[in-house]
């Protein structure tokens, strides 16, 4: 069974390792929970005690990002029509279906917005993005790949809101970049986002279902009172993360 094969590779690698580093608490907890479930399916000698051994060797080492490289392209914007941003991979796990479904509801209310869709295009485009080109032809001001980092950074600084509908994420580098550049995030109350952006403090940035996302996005577009969570992102810049990684490696060497 191919699923068992890859599961065993992850399991034995973790068991053999001296230290296991995860991108977030959510990532770590997801792995431990999935591993326990994976081993329980075997009737004999499932060695469930190894899950605790692996858990004890596991730490959270957040992803390091070169966020300061965005600084030189910072621009002050006061968009008359708010700009909504998508800056993720064009893949199903990023859940473009719910993203565009939400925007279609907003559009049906005759609420003005502009749309920037960034991401690498392939020879065969996902059908939902092809349809979006037509559905939002009056709102789209850019769609597709940025030819330079400068162009990418400028769009992030120009954007006002990043509604996130992702269904699979263990950290969220593209979201962290956009938030660093001052966009107002609307985040699902799941995955790694509550951990990274303090959902109990920033409740207005989180939603529990698509209906709530539409309501909160509608209010933002109407009121134009955007709130940055940029202060939450600075701790993930390499200037901070590097020393933390160094500490982990030094402790391993000294063991």
Protein backbone atom coordinates (compact mmCIF):
# COMPACT_ATOMS: atom_id res chain seq x y z
CA UNK A 1 0.00 0.00 0.00
CA UNK A 2 1.56 3.26 -1.14
CA UNK A 3 -0.08 5.25 1.68
CA UNK A 4 1.45 2.90 4.25
CA UNK A 5 4.82 3.13 2.52
CA UNK A 6 5.09 6.90 2.80
CA UNK A 7 3.65 6.81 6.30
CA UNK A 8 6.37 4.42 7.40
CA UNK A 9 9.07 6.61 5.83
CA UNK A 10 7.88 9.59 7.90
CA UNK A 11 7.49 7.44 11.00
CA UNK A 12 10.90 5.75 10.89
CA UNK A 13 12.66 9.00 9.94
CA UNK A 14 11.14 10.75 12.93
CA UNK A 15 11.94 7.84 15.24
CA UNK A 16 15.58 7.76 14.13
CA UNK A 17 16.09 11.54 14.36
CA UNK A 18 17.70 13.29 17.31
CA UNK A 19 15.47 16.33 16.95
CA UNK A 20 12.29 16.88 14.93
CA UNK A 21 11.42 20.44 13.93
CA UNK A 22 7.92 21.50 12.88
CA UNK A 23 6.78 24.73 11.21
CA UNK A 24 4.12 25.40 13.87
CA UNK A 25 2.28 23.89 16.83
CA UNK A 26 -0.50 23.00 14.45
CA UNK A 27 2.01 21.16 12.23
CA UNK A 28 3.44 19.24 15.19
CA UNK A 29 0.07 18.33 16.67
CA UNK A 30 -1.26 17.24 13.27
CA UNK A 31 1.69 14.91 12.75
CA UNK A 32 1.47 13.34 16.22
CA UNK A 33 -2.28 12.83 15.92
CA UNK A 34 -1.98 11.34 12.42
CA UNK A 35 0.90 9.06 13.52
CA UNK A 36 -1.08 7.67 16.45
CA UNK A 37 -4.01 6.96 14.13
CA UNK A 38 -1.66 5.44 11.53
CA UNK A 39 -0.12 2.99 14.01
CA UNK A 40 -3.42 2.00 15.61
CA UNK A 41 -4.60 0.46 12.34
CA UNK A 42 -2.04 -2.35 12.74
CA UNK A 43 -3.38 -5.13 15.00
CA UNK A 44 -0.05 -6.46 16.28
CA UNK A 45 3.15 -4.77 17.49
CA UNK A 46 1.96 -1.29 16.61
CA UNK A 47 4.51 0.23 19.04
CA UNK A 48 2.26 3.10 20.12
CA UNK A 49 4.77 4.02 22.81
CA UNK A 50 7.03 5.30 20.02
CA UNK A 51 4.58 8.16 19.46
CA UNK A 52 5.49 9.56 22.88
CA UNK A 53 9.19 9.14 22.13
CA UNK A 54 8.77 11.11 18.90
CA UNK A 55 6.65 13.75 20.62
CA UNK A 56 9.33 14.28 23.28
CA UNK A 57 11.95 14.89 20.56
CA UNK A 58 9.75 17.35 18.69
CA UNK A 59 9.95 21.14 18.84
CA UNK A 60 8.35 24.02 16.96
CA UNK A 61 10.82 25.96 14.80
CA UNK A 62 8.88 28.57 12.90
CA UNK A 63 9.67 29.21 9.26
CA UNK A 64 12.22 31.96 8.62
CA UNK A 65 11.34 34.51 5.94
CA UNK A 66 13.28 37.32 4.30
CA UNK A 67 10.65 39.91 5.09
CA UNK A 68 12.91 42.95 5.27
CA UNK A 69 13.60 42.72 1.55
CA UNK A 70 10.08 44.09 1.03
CA UNK A 71 10.97 47.34 2.82
CA UNK A 72 12.71 49.06 -0.10
CA UNK A 73 9.53 48.80 -2.19
CA UNK A 74 7.17 50.19 0.45
CA UNK A 75 4.66 52.67 -0.90
CA UNK A 76 1.90 54.66 0.76
CA UNK A 77 -1.49 53.95 -0.76
CA UNK A 78 -4.99 55.25 -0.26
CA UNK A 79 -6.97 53.30 -2.81
CA UNK A 80 -10.33 54.81 -3.70
CA UNK A 81 -11.49 51.31 -4.52
CA UNK A 82 -10.12 48.66 -2.09
CA UNK A 83 -7.80 46.02 -3.55
CA UNK A 84 -8.34 42.37 -2.62
CA UNK A 85 -5.28 40.12 -2.91
CA UNK A 86 -4.62 36.47 -3.75
CA UNK A 87 -0.89 35.65 -3.63
CA UNK A 88 -0.83 31.87 -3.20
CA UNK A 89 -0.10 28.91 -5.45
CA UNK A 90 -2.85 28.09 -7.93
CA UNK A 91 -3.59 24.73 -6.34
CA UNK A 92 -6.66 23.03 -4.89
CA UNK A 93 -5.28 22.97 -1.34
CA UNK A 94 -5.35 26.78 -1.38
CA UNK A 95 -9.12 26.51 -1.91
CA UNK A 96 -9.72 29.05 -4.69
CA UNK A 97 -13.31 27.75 -4.91
CA UNK A 98 -14.37 29.39 -1.65
CA UNK A 99 -12.29 32.49 -2.39
CA UNK A 100 -14.04 33.20 -5.69
CA UNK A 101 -17.43 32.10 -4.35
CA UNK A 102 -17.10 34.73 -1.62
CA UNK A 103 -16.09 37.42 -4.12
CA UNK A 104 -19.01 36.51 -6.36
CA UNK A 105 -21.40 37.17 -3.47
CA UNK A 106 -19.72 40.51 -2.83
CA UNK A 107 -19.99 41.33 -6.52
CA UNK A 108 -23.71 40.52 -6.52
CA UNK A 109 -24.20 43.20 -3.86
CA UNK A 110 -22.75 45.82 -6.22
CA UNK A 111 -19.91 46.54 -3.82
CA UNK A 112 -16.86 47.98 -5.57
CA UNK A 113 -13.51 46.25 -5.25
CA UNK A 114 -10.43 45.61 -7.32
CA UNK A 115 -8.75 42.23 -7.54
CA UNK A 116 -5.09 41.24 -7.80
CA UNK A 117 -4.41 37.53 -8.39
CA UNK A 118 -0.73 36.64 -8.18
CA UNK A 119 0.80 33.24 -8.77
CA UNK A 120 2.68 31.11 -11.23
CA UNK A 121 0.71 30.11 -14.30
CA UNK A 122 1.16 26.77 -16.05
CA UNK A 123 0.45 25.57 -19.56
CA UNK A 124 -2.79 24.04 -18.32
CA UNK A 125 -4.65 26.51 -16.12
CA UNK A 126 -7.05 25.44 -13.39
CA UNK A 127 -10.57 25.88 -14.71
CA UNK A 128 -11.63 28.00 -11.77
CA UNK A 129 -8.99 30.62 -12.56
CA UNK A 130 -10.01 30.66 -16.21
CA UNK A 131 -13.62 31.27 -15.15
CA UNK A 132 -12.49 33.96 -12.70
CA UNK A 133 -10.89 35.90 -15.55
CA UNK A 134 -14.33 36.27 -17.09
CA UNK A 135 -16.40 36.62 -13.91
CA UNK A 136 -14.20 39.35 -12.47
CA UNK A 137 -13.00 40.99 -15.68
CA UNK A 138 -14.17 44.39 -14.43
CA UNK A 139 -12.46 43.99 -11.04
CA UNK A 140 -9.14 42.36 -12.01
CA UNK A 141 -6.24 44.80 -12.31
CA UNK A 142 -3.56 42.09 -12.42
CA UNK A 143 -3.67 38.32 -12.82
CA UNK A 144 -0.76 35.93 -13.16
CA UNK A 145 2.94 35.74 -12.53
CA UNK A 146 5.05 38.72 -11.53
CA UNK A 147 8.13 39.09 -13.69
CA UNK A 148 10.24 40.46 -10.83
CA UNK A 149 10.31 40.49 -7.04
CA UNK A 150 9.86 44.25 -7.17
CA UNK A 151 6.57 43.87 -9.02
CA UNK A 152 5.41 41.22 -6.52
CA UNK A 153 6.38 43.38 -3.53
CA UNK A 154 4.66 46.46 -4.95
CA UNK A 155 1.38 44.61 -5.36
CA UNK A 156 1.55 43.41 -1.76
CA UNK A 157 2.10 46.97 -0.52
CA UNK A 158 -0.73 48.26 -2.72
CA UNK A 159 -3.29 45.66 -1.60
CA UNK A 160 -5.76 46.37 1.21
CA UNK A 161 -7.27 42.99 2.13
CA UNK A 162 -6.18 39.37 1.92
CA UNK A 163 -9.13 36.98 2.48
CA UNK A 164 -7.67 33.53 3.17
CA UNK A 165 -9.65 30.38 2.37
CA UNK A 166 -6.81 27.83 2.36
CA UNK A 167 -7.73 24.29 3.39
CA UNK A 168 -4.16 23.07 4.01
CA UNK A 169 -1.35 25.09 5.58
CA UNK A 170 1.31 24.33 8.18
CA UNK A 171 2.61 27.90 8.29
CA UNK A 172 1.55 30.23 5.47
CA UNK A 173 4.55 32.07 4.01
CA UNK A 174 2.61 33.98 1.35
CA UNK A 175 0.10 35.17 3.95
CA UNK A 176 2.87 36.25 6.30
CA UNK A 177 4.46 38.27 3.48
CA UNK A 178 1.20 40.01 2.63
CA UNK A 179 0.46 40.83 6.28
CA UNK A 180 3.99 42.19 6.69
CA UNK A 181 3.21 44.55 3.83
CA UNK A 182 0.19 45.93 5.66
CA UNK A 183 -2.76 44.08 4.17
CA UNK A 184 -5.73 43.38 6.42
CA UNK A 185 -6.02 39.57 6.73
CA UNK A 186 -9.34 37.73 7.04
CA UNK A 187 -8.38 34.29 8.30
CA UNK A 188 -10.22 31.01 8.87
CA UNK A 189 -10.39 30.08 12.55
CA UNK A 190 -8.45 26.86 11.95
CA UNK A 191 -5.12 25.46 10.75
CA UNK A 192 -2.10 27.47 11.89
CA UNK A 193 -3.60 30.97 11.73
CA UNK A 194 -5.09 31.21 15.25
CA UNK A 195 -1.64 30.36 16.60
CA UNK A 196 0.29 32.81 14.45
CA UNK A 197 -2.11 35.77 14.61
CA UNK A 198 -3.72 35.40 18.06
CA UNK A 199 -7.34 34.72 17.18
CA UNK A 200 -8.57 35.45 20.73
CA UNK A 201 -7.11 38.96 20.59
CA UNK A 202 -7.81 39.73 16.93
CA UNK A 203 -11.32 38.30 16.61
CA UNK A 204 -12.26 40.74 13.84
CA UNK A 205 -9.61 39.15 11.62
CA UNK A 206 -11.04 35.63 11.96
CA UNK A 207 -14.14 33.89 10.62
CA UNK A 208 -15.74 30.50 11.33
CA UNK A 209 -17.56 29.88 8.05
CA UNK A 210 -18.01 31.31 4.57
CA UNK A 211 -21.09 33.31 5.51
CA UNK A 212 -19.12 35.10 8.21
CA UNK A 213 -16.30 35.71 5.75
CA UNK A 214 -18.72 37.42 3.36
CA UNK A 215 -20.13 39.58 6.17
CA UNK A 216 -16.71 40.65 7.43
CA UNK A 217 -15.38 41.31 3.94
CA UNK A 218 -18.51 43.32 3.09
CA UNK A 219 -18.03 45.47 6.18
CA UNK A 220 -14.37 46.05 5.36
CA UNK A 221 -15.11 47.10 1.79
CA UNK A 222 -17.87 49.44 2.90
CA UNK A 223 -16.11 50.99 5.88
CA UNK A 224 -12.56 50.93 4.50
CA UNK A 225 -11.12 50.69 8.00
CA UNK A 226 -8.22 48.38 7.42
CA UNK A 227 -6.13 47.14 10.33
CA UNK A 228 -2.64 45.77 9.89
CA UNK A 229 -1.27 42.86 11.93
CA UNK A 230 2.23 43.61 10.70
CA UNK A 231 3.64 43.55 14.25
CA UNK A 232 2.91 39.81 14.40
CA UNK A 233 5.11 39.09 11.40
CA UNK A 234 8.42 40.63 12.47
CA UNK A 235 9.38 37.69 14.67
CA UNK A 236 9.53 35.46 11.57
CA UNK A 237 12.15 37.50 9.74
CA UNK A 238 15.45 35.69 9.33
CA UNK A 239 17.17 38.34 11.47
CA UNK A 240 15.22 36.90 14.42
CA UNK A 241 14.77 33.27 13.39
CA UNK A 242 18.45 32.61 12.60
CA UNK A 243 19.59 32.85 16.23
CA UNK A 244 16.80 30.50 17.30
CA UNK A 245 17.88 27.93 14.72
CA UNK A 246 21.49 28.35 15.85
CA UNK A 247 20.47 27.62 19.45
CA UNK A 248 18.75 24.40 18.37
CA UNK A 249 21.83 23.22 16.45
CA UNK A 250 24.26 24.14 19.23
CA UNK A 251 22.24 22.19 21.78
CA UNK A 252 22.23 19.15 19.45
CA UNK A 253 26.01 19.33 18.99
CA UNK A 254 26.60 19.58 22.74
CA UNK A 255 24.51 16.52 23.55
